[in-house]
Amino acid sequence: MINRVSLLIVISMIFFSQNNNPVLSNGLDGNQSNQDIYREIGYTTVDAAAEQFEKHFKQRLKLPLRVPPIAFTHIMGRVNDLEGSDKDSFEVKYINVKNPDNHYKINIRPVQHKLQYKNEEINKGITLKDGNKAVYLNHSGFNVLVFEKGSWQYMLSINKKAADMMLPGTLVQIANSIEAQES
């Protein structure tokens, strides 16, 4: 009887100690070669990249509280600090190495250096909960929601195949979750 209880405890410890958290979010595990590739192109944890971006622009950055309801294996962030502040941006990338269709990205840049798009690229215009205007674009296999909050332009992008698995309006719900932080 004692052996069965001991075996049950050991199995429970193994089961409950397994870490199923996405990598580069707060820790590093998983496929080392994938992580090395992302590190080489400037990715780090989201918190570290957000802190670097806030220091660079001397402004507080607010991220959405929600994410798409699909599985991700890696969450990472980076600051794209290019020549001149007009091209600098913050990027958060959510991917699933087992399912490449599960790809979601957040790009943020100062409003004074926002990306421009043509009217013919707009699929639909909407109004967010806080009254700000947003537009849906289709770009390179992604559904993109573009809007401004405070002094930032946000671009939420999700792979079209992953978007087909979600309820319509998911990106709008994510955008509205930024406003919820201000309350």
N, C-alpha and C. Protein backbone atom coordinates (compact mmCIF):
# COMPACT_ATOMS: atom_id res chain seq x y z
N MET A 1 0.82 -1.20 0.00
CA MET A 1 0.00 0.00 0.00
C MET A 1 0.86 1.25 0.00
N ILE A 2 1.92 1.26 0.80
CA ILE A 2 2.81 2.42 0.87
C ILE A 2 3.48 2.65 -0.48
N ASN A 3 3.86 1.58 -1.17
CA ASN A 3 4.47 1.72 -2.49
C ASN A 3 3.52 2.36 -3.48
N ARG A 4 2.24 2.01 -3.42
CA ARG A 4 1.26 2.60 -4.33
C ARG A 4 1.09 4.10 -4.04
N VAL A 5 1.03 4.46 -2.79
CA VAL A 5 0.89 5.86 -2.40
C VAL A 5 2.13 6.63 -2.83
N SER A 6 3.30 6.07 -2.63
CA SER A 6 4.55 6.72 -3.05
C SER A 6 4.57 6.90 -4.56
N LEU A 7 4.17 5.88 -5.28
CA LEU A 7 4.14 5.96 -6.73
C LEU A 7 3.16 7.03 -7.19
N LEU A 8 2.00 7.09 -6.55
CA LEU A 8 0.99 8.10 -6.89
C LEU A 8 1.53 9.51 -6.62
N ILE A 9 2.23 9.69 -5.53
CA ILE A 9 2.81 11.00 -5.21
C ILE A 9 3.85 11.39 -6.25
N VAL A 10 4.72 10.47 -6.61
CA VAL A 10 5.76 10.76 -7.60
C VAL A 10 5.13 11.10 -8.95
N ILE A 11 4.15 10.35 -9.38
CA ILE A 11 3.48 10.63 -10.65
C ILE A 11 2.79 11.98 -10.61
N SER A 12 2.15 12.28 -9.50
CA SER A 12 1.48 13.58 -9.36
C SER A 12 2.49 14.72 -9.42
N MET A 13 3.63 14.54 -8.76
CA MET A 13 4.66 15.59 -8.77
C MET A 13 5.18 15.82 -10.19
N ILE A 14 5.38 14.76 -10.93
CA ILE A 14 5.86 14.89 -12.30
C ILE A 14 4.80 15.59 -13.16
N PHE A 15 3.56 15.16 -13.02
CA PHE A 15 2.48 15.74 -13.81
C PHE A 15 2.31 17.22 -13.52
N PHE A 16 2.26 17.60 -12.26
CA PHE A 16 2.00 18.99 -11.89
C PHE A 16 3.22 19.88 -12.02
N SER A 17 4.40 19.32 -12.13
CA SER A 17 5.60 20.16 -12.26
C SER A 17 5.93 20.47 -13.71
N GLN A 18 5.24 19.84 -14.65
CA GLN A 18 5.50 20.14 -16.05
C GLN A 18 5.11 21.57 -16.35
N ASN A 19 5.99 22.28 -17.06
CA ASN A 19 5.74 23.70 -17.38
C ASN A 19 5.22 23.78 -18.80
N ASN A 20 3.97 24.22 -18.93
CA ASN A 20 3.38 24.37 -20.25
C ASN A 20 3.28 25.83 -20.65
N ASN A 21 4.02 26.73 -19.98
CA ASN A 21 3.99 28.15 -20.31
C ASN A 21 4.77 28.41 -21.59
N PRO A 22 4.33 29.37 -22.37
CA PRO A 22 5.07 29.73 -23.57
C PRO A 22 6.47 30.25 -23.22
N VAL A 23 7.42 29.99 -24.09
CA VAL A 23 8.79 30.41 -23.83
C VAL A 23 9.00 31.87 -24.17
N LEU A 24 10.07 32.42 -23.65
CA LEU A 24 10.47 33.81 -23.78
C LEU A 24 9.48 34.76 -23.12
N SER A 25 8.44 34.23 -22.49
CA SER A 25 7.52 35.11 -21.79
C SER A 25 8.14 35.52 -20.47
N ASN A 26 8.42 34.59 -19.61
CA ASN A 26 9.10 34.87 -18.36
C ASN A 26 10.22 33.89 -18.10
N GLY A 27 10.37 32.92 -18.95
CA GLY A 27 11.41 31.93 -18.76
C GLY A 27 11.78 31.33 -20.09
N LEU A 28 12.80 30.50 -20.07
CA LEU A 28 13.28 29.92 -21.31
C LEU A 28 13.27 28.41 -21.20
N ASP A 29 12.48 27.79 -22.03
CA ASP A 29 12.49 26.35 -22.15
C ASP A 29 12.03 26.01 -23.56
N GLY A 30 11.99 24.76 -23.91
CA GLY A 30 11.56 24.40 -25.26
C GLY A 30 12.73 24.21 -26.19
N ASN A 31 12.50 24.37 -27.45
CA ASN A 31 13.49 24.14 -28.48
C ASN A 31 14.53 25.25 -28.48
N GLN A 32 15.74 24.91 -28.08
CA GLN A 32 16.79 25.92 -27.94
C GLN A 32 17.14 26.59 -29.27
N SER A 33 17.10 25.85 -30.37
CA SER A 33 17.47 26.46 -31.65
C SER A 33 16.47 27.54 -32.06
N ASN A 34 15.18 27.33 -31.80
CA ASN A 34 14.19 28.38 -32.08
C ASN A 34 14.47 29.61 -31.25
N GLN A 35 14.75 29.42 -29.96
CA GLN A 35 15.02 30.54 -29.07
C GLN A 35 16.26 31.31 -29.51
N ASP A 36 17.29 30.60 -29.90
CA ASP A 36 18.52 31.27 -30.34
C ASP A 36 18.27 32.13 -31.57
N ILE A 37 17.47 31.63 -32.49
CA ILE A 37 17.16 32.40 -33.70
C ILE A 37 16.44 33.69 -33.32
N TYR A 38 15.45 33.59 -32.45
CA TYR A 38 14.72 34.79 -32.04
C TYR A 38 15.60 35.77 -31.28
N ARG A 39 16.47 35.25 -30.42
CA ARG A 39 17.38 36.14 -29.68
C ARG A 39 18.31 36.88 -30.64
N GLU A 40 18.78 36.16 -31.64
CA GLU A 40 19.72 36.76 -32.61
C GLU A 40 19.09 37.92 -33.36
N ILE A 41 17.79 37.91 -33.54
CA ILE A 41 17.14 39.02 -34.25
C ILE A 41 16.48 40.00 -33.29
N GLY A 42 16.90 39.96 -32.02
CA GLY A 42 16.53 40.99 -31.07
C GLY A 42 15.37 40.71 -30.14
N TYR A 43 14.80 39.51 -30.18
CA TYR A 43 13.68 39.22 -29.30
C TYR A 43 14.16 38.89 -27.89
N THR A 44 13.35 39.26 -26.93
CA THR A 44 13.59 38.99 -25.52
C THR A 44 12.23 38.79 -24.87
N THR A 45 12.17 38.88 -23.55
CA THR A 45 10.86 38.79 -22.91
C THR A 45 10.06 40.05 -23.21
N VAL A 46 8.76 39.95 -23.15
CA VAL A 46 7.89 41.10 -23.40
C VAL A 46 8.16 42.19 -22.38
N ASP A 47 8.31 41.81 -21.11
CA ASP A 47 8.56 42.81 -20.06
C ASP A 47 9.84 43.58 -20.30
N ALA A 48 10.91 42.88 -20.67
CA ALA A 48 12.19 43.55 -20.91
C ALA A 48 12.10 44.49 -22.12
N ALA A 49 11.45 44.04 -23.18
CA ALA A 49 11.31 44.87 -24.38
C ALA A 49 10.42 46.08 -24.09
N ALA A 50 9.34 45.90 -23.33
CA ALA A 50 8.45 47.02 -23.00
C ALA A 50 9.19 48.06 -22.16
N GLU A 51 9.98 47.61 -21.21
CA GLU A 51 10.75 48.54 -20.38
C GLU A 51 11.74 49.34 -21.23
N GLN A 52 12.40 48.66 -22.16
CA GLN A 52 13.34 49.33 -23.06
C GLN A 52 12.62 50.37 -23.92
N PHE A 53 11.45 50.03 -24.43
CA PHE A 53 10.67 50.93 -25.27
C PHE A 53 10.21 52.16 -24.49
N GLU A 54 9.73 51.93 -23.27
CA GLU A 54 9.28 53.04 -22.42
C GLU A 54 10.44 53.99 -22.10
N LYS A 55 11.61 53.45 -21.84
CA LYS A 55 12.78 54.30 -21.58
C LYS A 55 13.16 55.08 -22.83
N HIS A 56 13.09 54.44 -23.98
CA HIS A 56 13.46 55.08 -25.24
C HIS A 56 12.57 56.28 -25.53
N PHE A 57 11.25 56.12 -25.32
CA PHE A 57 10.30 57.19 -25.63
C PHE A 57 9.87 58.00 -24.40
N LYS A 58 10.34 57.59 -23.22
CA LYS A 58 10.01 58.30 -21.97
C LYS A 58 8.50 58.45 -21.78
N GLN A 59 7.78 57.38 -22.09
CA GLN A 59 6.32 57.34 -21.94
C GLN A 59 5.91 55.94 -21.49
N ARG A 60 4.81 55.87 -20.77
CA ARG A 60 4.26 54.58 -20.33
C ARG A 60 3.56 53.90 -21.49
N LEU A 61 3.78 52.62 -21.60
CA LEU A 61 3.19 51.80 -22.65
C LEU A 61 2.11 50.92 -22.03
N LYS A 62 0.95 50.87 -22.66
CA LYS A 62 -0.12 50.01 -22.18
C LYS A 62 -0.36 48.91 -23.21
N LEU A 63 -0.36 47.68 -22.72
CA LEU A 63 -0.59 46.52 -23.58
C LEU A 63 -1.99 45.97 -23.33
N PRO A 64 -2.54 45.29 -24.33
CA PRO A 64 -3.86 44.68 -24.14
C PRO A 64 -3.82 43.65 -23.01
N LEU A 65 -4.93 43.55 -22.31
CA LEU A 65 -5.05 42.53 -21.27
C LEU A 65 -5.48 41.19 -21.85
N ARG A 66 -6.06 41.21 -23.04
CA ARG A 66 -6.57 40.00 -23.67
C ARG A 66 -5.66 39.57 -24.81
N VAL A 67 -5.74 38.29 -25.14
CA VAL A 67 -5.05 37.72 -26.31
C VAL A 67 -6.05 36.84 -27.05
N PRO A 68 -5.77 36.52 -28.29
CA PRO A 68 -6.68 35.62 -29.02
C PRO A 68 -6.80 34.27 -28.30
N PRO A 69 -7.98 33.65 -28.38
CA PRO A 69 -8.21 32.38 -27.68
C PRO A 69 -7.70 31.17 -28.46
N ILE A 70 -6.42 31.21 -28.81
CA ILE A 70 -5.78 30.08 -29.49
C ILE A 70 -4.46 29.79 -28.78
N ALA A 71 -3.90 28.61 -29.00
CA ALA A 71 -2.70 28.18 -28.29
C ALA A 71 -1.44 28.80 -28.90
N PHE A 72 -0.54 29.24 -28.02
CA PHE A 72 0.77 29.76 -28.43
C PHE A 72 1.85 29.04 -27.64
N THR A 73 2.99 28.78 -28.27
CA THR A 73 4.12 28.16 -27.58
C THR A 73 5.20 29.18 -27.23
N HIS A 74 5.25 30.29 -27.94
CA HIS A 74 6.27 31.32 -27.71
C HIS A 74 5.62 32.69 -27.67
N ILE A 75 6.03 33.49 -26.68
CA ILE A 75 5.62 34.88 -26.59
C ILE A 75 6.90 35.67 -26.39
N MET A 76 7.13 36.65 -27.25
CA MET A 76 8.38 37.40 -27.17
C MET A 76 8.16 38.84 -27.59
N GLY A 77 9.07 39.69 -27.21
CA GLY A 77 8.97 41.09 -27.58
C GLY A 77 10.31 41.62 -28.04
N ARG A 78 10.27 42.72 -28.75
CA ARG A 78 11.50 43.40 -29.14
C ARG A 78 11.20 44.85 -29.47
N VAL A 79 12.23 45.64 -29.39
CA VAL A 79 12.15 47.04 -29.79
C VAL A 79 12.90 47.14 -31.11
N ASN A 80 12.22 47.66 -32.11
CA ASN A 80 12.85 47.90 -33.40
C ASN A 80 13.37 49.34 -33.34
N ASP A 81 14.63 49.48 -32.98
CA ASP A 81 15.27 50.79 -32.82
C ASP A 81 16.10 51.03 -34.07
N LEU A 82 15.47 51.60 -35.06
CA LEU A 82 16.11 51.81 -36.35
C LEU A 82 16.65 53.23 -36.44
N GLU A 83 17.23 53.57 -37.55
CA GLU A 83 17.78 54.91 -37.74
C GLU A 83 16.67 55.94 -37.66
N GLY A 84 16.71 56.77 -36.63
CA GLY A 84 15.70 57.82 -36.46
C GLY A 84 14.49 57.30 -35.72
N SER A 85 13.93 58.12 -34.84
CA SER A 85 12.78 57.71 -34.03
C SER A 85 11.53 57.47 -34.85
N ASP A 86 11.46 58.01 -36.06
CA ASP A 86 10.25 57.85 -36.88
C ASP A 86 10.03 56.42 -37.32
N LYS A 87 11.03 55.56 -37.20
CA LYS A 87 10.88 54.16 -37.60
C LYS A 87 10.92 53.20 -36.42
N ASP A 88 11.05 53.73 -35.21
CA ASP A 88 11.13 52.88 -34.03
C ASP A 88 9.75 52.34 -33.67
N SER A 89 9.72 51.08 -33.20
CA SER A 89 8.45 50.48 -32.81
C SER A 89 8.70 49.39 -31.78
N PHE A 90 7.62 49.00 -31.14
CA PHE A 90 7.62 47.91 -30.17
C PHE A 90 6.81 46.78 -30.77
N GLU A 91 7.28 45.56 -30.62
CA GLU A 91 6.61 44.42 -31.22
C GLU A 91 6.48 43.29 -30.20
N VAL A 92 5.30 42.72 -30.12
CA VAL A 92 5.06 41.51 -29.33
C VAL A 92 4.60 40.46 -30.32
N LYS A 93 5.23 39.31 -30.26
CA LYS A 93 4.89 38.23 -31.19
C LYS A 93 4.47 37.00 -30.40
N TYR A 94 3.34 36.43 -30.79
CA TYR A 94 2.83 35.19 -30.22
C TYR A 94 2.83 34.17 -31.36
N ILE A 95 3.53 33.07 -31.17
CA ILE A 95 3.55 32.04 -32.21
C ILE A 95 3.36 30.66 -31.59
N ASN A 96 3.08 29.71 -32.45
CA ASN A 96 2.99 28.32 -32.05
C ASN A 96 3.85 27.54 -33.03
N VAL A 97 4.98 27.02 -32.55
CA VAL A 97 5.89 26.32 -33.46
C VAL A 97 5.30 25.02 -33.98
N LYS A 98 4.28 24.51 -33.30
CA LYS A 98 3.63 23.29 -33.75
C LYS A 98 2.51 23.57 -34.74
N ASN A 99 2.02 24.82 -34.75
CA ASN A 99 0.95 25.22 -35.66
C ASN A 99 1.25 26.64 -36.15
N PRO A 100 1.96 26.78 -37.26
CA PRO A 100 2.36 28.11 -37.74
C PRO A 100 1.20 29.06 -38.05
N ASP A 101 -0.02 28.53 -38.21
CA ASP A 101 -1.17 29.41 -38.43
C ASP A 101 -1.50 30.23 -37.17
N ASN A 102 -1.12 29.73 -36.00
CA ASN A 102 -1.36 30.46 -34.75
C ASN A 102 -0.27 31.50 -34.57
N HIS A 103 -0.46 32.62 -35.24
CA HIS A 103 0.53 33.72 -35.24
C HIS A 103 -0.22 35.02 -35.02
N TYR A 104 0.12 35.71 -33.93
CA TYR A 104 -0.53 36.96 -33.56
C TYR A 104 0.57 37.96 -33.21
N LYS A 105 0.39 39.19 -33.63
CA LYS A 105 1.44 40.19 -33.40
C LYS A 105 0.82 41.53 -33.03
N ILE A 106 1.50 42.23 -32.12
CA ILE A 106 1.13 43.58 -31.73
C ILE A 106 2.30 44.48 -32.10
N ASN A 107 2.03 45.52 -32.88
CA ASN A 107 3.04 46.55 -33.19
C ASN A 107 2.55 47.86 -32.61
N ILE A 108 3.44 48.58 -31.95
CA ILE A 108 3.08 49.86 -31.35
C ILE A 108 4.16 50.87 -31.71
N ARG A 109 3.71 52.07 -32.09
CA ARG A 109 4.63 53.16 -32.42
C ARG A 109 4.00 54.47 -32.01
N PRO A 110 4.82 55.52 -31.84
CA PRO A 110 4.24 56.83 -31.50
C PRO A 110 3.31 57.31 -32.61
N VAL A 111 2.22 57.97 -32.21
CA VAL A 111 1.24 58.48 -33.17
C VAL A 111 1.89 59.43 -34.17
N GLN A 112 2.84 60.23 -33.73
CA GLN A 112 3.47 61.18 -34.65
C GLN A 112 4.29 60.48 -35.74
N HIS A 113 4.55 59.18 -35.57
CA HIS A 113 5.28 58.41 -36.58
C HIS A 113 4.46 57.21 -37.05
N LYS A 114 3.14 57.37 -37.03
CA LYS A 114 2.26 56.25 -37.36
C LYS A 114 2.43 55.82 -38.82
N LEU A 115 2.13 54.55 -39.03
CA LEU A 115 2.14 54.02 -40.39
C LEU A 115 0.89 54.48 -41.11
N GLN A 116 1.07 54.86 -42.34
CA GLN A 116 -0.05 55.32 -43.16
C GLN A 116 -0.54 54.15 -44.02
N TYR A 117 -1.79 54.16 -44.35
CA TYR A 117 -2.38 53.16 -45.24
C TYR A 117 -3.35 53.88 -46.16
N LYS A 118 -3.61 53.27 -47.29
CA LYS A 118 -4.49 53.87 -48.28
C LYS A 118 -5.94 53.50 -48.00
N ASN A 119 -6.85 54.38 -48.38
CA ASN A 119 -8.28 54.12 -48.16
C ASN A 119 -8.73 52.81 -48.80
N GLU A 120 -8.16 52.47 -49.96
CA GLU A 120 -8.57 51.23 -50.62
C GLU A 120 -8.09 49.98 -49.87
N GLU A 121 -7.19 50.13 -48.92
CA GLU A 121 -6.73 49.00 -48.10
C GLU A 121 -7.69 48.70 -46.95
N ILE A 122 -8.57 49.64 -46.65
CA ILE A 122 -9.49 49.50 -45.51
C ILE A 122 -10.65 48.59 -45.88
N ASN A 123 -10.84 47.54 -45.07
CA ASN A 123 -11.98 46.64 -45.27
C ASN A 123 -13.20 47.13 -44.52
N LYS A 124 -12.96 47.71 -43.33
CA LYS A 124 -14.08 48.11 -42.50
C LYS A 124 -13.58 49.10 -41.45
N GLY A 125 -14.38 50.11 -41.18
CA GLY A 125 -14.10 51.04 -40.10
C GLY A 125 -15.03 50.76 -38.94
N ILE A 126 -14.53 50.88 -37.71
CA ILE A 126 -15.35 50.65 -36.52
C ILE A 126 -15.01 51.69 -35.46
N THR A 127 -15.83 51.76 -34.45
CA THR A 127 -15.58 52.63 -33.30
C THR A 127 -15.37 51.76 -32.08
N LEU A 128 -14.27 52.00 -31.37
CA LEU A 128 -13.96 51.25 -30.15
C LEU A 128 -14.82 51.76 -28.99
N LYS A 129 -14.79 51.03 -27.91
CA LYS A 129 -15.60 51.36 -26.73
C LYS A 129 -15.31 52.77 -26.20
N ASP A 130 -14.05 53.23 -26.34
CA ASP A 130 -13.69 54.57 -25.84
C ASP A 130 -13.97 55.68 -26.84
N GLY A 131 -14.55 55.34 -28.01
CA GLY A 131 -14.87 56.33 -29.02
C GLY A 131 -13.81 56.49 -30.09
N ASN A 132 -12.63 55.91 -29.89
CA ASN A 132 -11.58 55.99 -30.90
C ASN A 132 -11.97 55.17 -32.13
N LYS A 133 -11.54 55.65 -33.28
CA LYS A 133 -11.80 54.95 -34.54
C LYS A 133 -10.74 53.89 -34.78
N ALA A 134 -11.15 52.82 -35.42
CA ALA A 134 -10.23 51.74 -35.80
C ALA A 134 -10.60 51.27 -37.19
N VAL A 135 -9.64 50.68 -37.88
CA VAL A 135 -9.90 50.14 -39.21
C VAL A 135 -9.34 48.73 -39.31
N TYR A 136 -10.07 47.90 -40.05
CA TYR A 136 -9.60 46.56 -40.39
C TYR A 136 -8.93 46.62 -41.75
N LEU A 137 -7.76 46.02 -41.84
CA LEU A 137 -7.04 45.89 -43.11
C LEU A 137 -6.72 44.43 -43.33
N ASN A 138 -6.55 44.02 -44.56
CA ASN A 138 -5.97 42.71 -44.89
C ASN A 138 -4.61 42.98 -45.46
N HIS A 139 -3.60 42.34 -44.87
CA HIS A 139 -2.23 42.61 -45.32
C HIS A 139 -1.40 41.33 -45.24
N SER A 140 -0.91 40.86 -46.35
CA SER A 140 0.01 39.72 -46.42
C SER A 140 -0.45 38.51 -45.61
N GLY A 141 -1.70 38.11 -45.77
CA GLY A 141 -2.20 36.92 -45.08
C GLY A 141 -2.62 37.16 -43.64
N PHE A 142 -2.70 38.41 -43.24
CA PHE A 142 -3.09 38.74 -41.87
C PHE A 142 -4.29 39.67 -41.87
N ASN A 143 -5.15 39.51 -40.87
CA ASN A 143 -6.18 40.49 -40.56
C ASN A 143 -5.54 41.46 -39.59
N VAL A 144 -5.66 42.75 -39.84
CA VAL A 144 -4.99 43.76 -39.04
C VAL A 144 -6.02 44.78 -38.56
N LEU A 145 -6.01 45.08 -37.27
CA LEU A 145 -6.83 46.13 -36.69
C LEU A 145 -5.88 47.25 -36.29
N VAL A 146 -6.10 48.45 -36.84
CA VAL A 146 -5.24 49.60 -36.57
C VAL A 146 -6.07 50.66 -35.85
N PHE A 147 -5.50 51.21 -34.76
CA PHE A 147 -6.19 52.23 -33.98
C PHE A 147 -5.17 53.00 -33.15
N GLU A 148 -5.63 54.10 -32.59
CA GLU A 148 -4.78 54.93 -31.73
C GLU A 148 -5.39 55.00 -30.35
N LYS A 149 -4.53 54.95 -29.35
CA LYS A 149 -4.92 55.15 -27.95
C LYS A 149 -3.82 55.98 -27.30
N GLY A 150 -4.21 57.11 -26.74
CA GLY A 150 -3.20 57.98 -26.14
C GLY A 150 -2.24 58.46 -27.21
N SER A 151 -0.97 58.32 -26.95
CA SER A 151 0.04 58.78 -27.90
C SER A 151 0.62 57.65 -28.74
N TRP A 152 -0.08 56.51 -28.79
CA TRP A 152 0.43 55.34 -29.52
C TRP A 152 -0.51 54.92 -30.64
N GLN A 153 0.08 54.41 -31.73
CA GLN A 153 -0.69 53.72 -32.77
C GLN A 153 -0.47 52.22 -32.54
N TYR A 154 -1.55 51.48 -32.46
CA TYR A 154 -1.51 50.04 -32.25
C TYR A 154 -1.93 49.35 -33.55
N MET A 155 -1.25 48.25 -33.84
CA MET A 155 -1.63 47.37 -34.95
C MET A 155 -1.68 45.95 -34.41
N LEU A 156 -2.87 45.39 -34.34
CA LEU A 156 -3.06 44.01 -33.91
C LEU A 156 -3.23 43.16 -35.16
N SER A 157 -2.36 42.20 -35.36
CA SER A 157 -2.37 41.38 -36.58
C SER A 157 -2.49 39.91 -36.22
N ILE A 158 -3.38 39.23 -36.92
CA ILE A 158 -3.51 37.79 -36.71
C ILE A 158 -3.61 37.08 -38.05
N ASN A 159 -2.96 35.95 -38.14
CA ASN A 159 -3.00 35.14 -39.35
C ASN A 159 -4.46 34.87 -39.72
N LYS A 160 -4.77 35.01 -41.01
CA LYS A 160 -6.17 34.84 -41.45
C LYS A 160 -6.71 33.45 -41.13
N LYS A 161 -5.88 32.42 -41.22
CA LYS A 161 -6.36 31.07 -40.90
C LYS A 161 -6.70 30.95 -39.43
N ALA A 162 -5.90 31.56 -38.56
CA ALA A 162 -6.21 31.55 -37.13
C ALA A 162 -7.45 32.39 -36.86
N ALA A 163 -7.58 33.50 -37.56
CA ALA A 163 -8.75 34.38 -37.37
C ALA A 163 -10.04 33.65 -37.71
N ASP A 164 -9.99 32.74 -38.69
CA ASP A 164 -11.18 31.98 -39.07
C ASP A 164 -11.67 31.07 -37.94
N MET A 165 -10.77 30.74 -36.99
CA MET A 165 -11.15 29.87 -35.86
C MET A 165 -11.73 30.67 -34.70
N MET A 166 -11.70 32.00 -34.79
CA MET A 166 -12.15 32.84 -33.68
C MET A 166 -13.49 33.49 -34.02
N LEU A 167 -14.15 33.96 -32.98
CA LEU A 167 -15.38 34.70 -33.18
C LEU A 167 -15.07 36.06 -33.81
N PRO A 168 -15.94 36.56 -34.67
CA PRO A 168 -15.73 37.91 -35.21
C PRO A 168 -15.68 38.90 -34.05
N GLY A 169 -14.86 39.89 -34.19
CA GLY A 169 -14.77 40.92 -33.16
C GLY A 169 -13.72 40.65 -32.09
N THR A 170 -12.98 39.56 -32.20
CA THR A 170 -11.98 39.24 -31.18
C THR A 170 -10.91 40.33 -31.11
N LEU A 171 -10.43 40.81 -32.25
CA LEU A 171 -9.41 41.86 -32.22
C LEU A 171 -9.96 43.14 -31.60
N VAL A 172 -11.23 43.43 -31.82
CA VAL A 172 -11.85 44.61 -31.20
C VAL A 172 -11.91 44.43 -29.68
N GLN A 173 -12.26 43.24 -29.22
CA GLN A 173 -12.28 42.97 -27.78
C GLN A 173 -10.88 43.16 -27.18
N ILE A 174 -9.88 42.72 -27.91
CA ILE A 174 -8.49 42.88 -27.44
C ILE A 174 -8.15 44.37 -27.37
N ALA A 175 -8.50 45.12 -28.41
CA ALA A 175 -8.24 46.56 -28.43
C ALA A 175 -8.95 47.25 -27.27
N ASN A 176 -10.19 46.87 -27.01
CA ASN A 176 -10.95 47.48 -25.91
C ASN A 176 -10.37 47.12 -24.54
N SER A 177 -9.61 46.05 -24.44
CA SER A 177 -9.01 45.68 -23.15
C SER A 177 -7.89 46.64 -22.75
N ILE A 178 -7.36 47.39 -23.69
CA ILE A 178 -6.34 48.40 -23.34
C ILE A 178 -7.01 49.51 -22.56
N GLU A 179 -8.16 49.93 -22.99
CA GLU A 179 -8.90 51.00 -22.33
C GLU A 179 -9.26 50.61 -20.90
N ALA A 180 -9.51 49.33 -20.66
CA ALA A 180 -9.91 48.87 -19.34
C ALA A 180 -8.80 49.12 -18.31
N GLN A 181 -7.55 49.18 -18.73
CA GLN A 181 -6.44 49.43 -17.82
C GLN A 181 -6.45 50.86 -17.29
N GLU A 182 -7.04 51.77 -18.04
CA GLU A 182 -7.02 53.19 -17.68
C GLU A 182 -8.01 53.51 -16.57
N SER A 183 -8.95 52.63 -16.30
CA SER A 183 -9.98 52.88 -15.28
C SER A 183 -9.41 52.84 -13.89
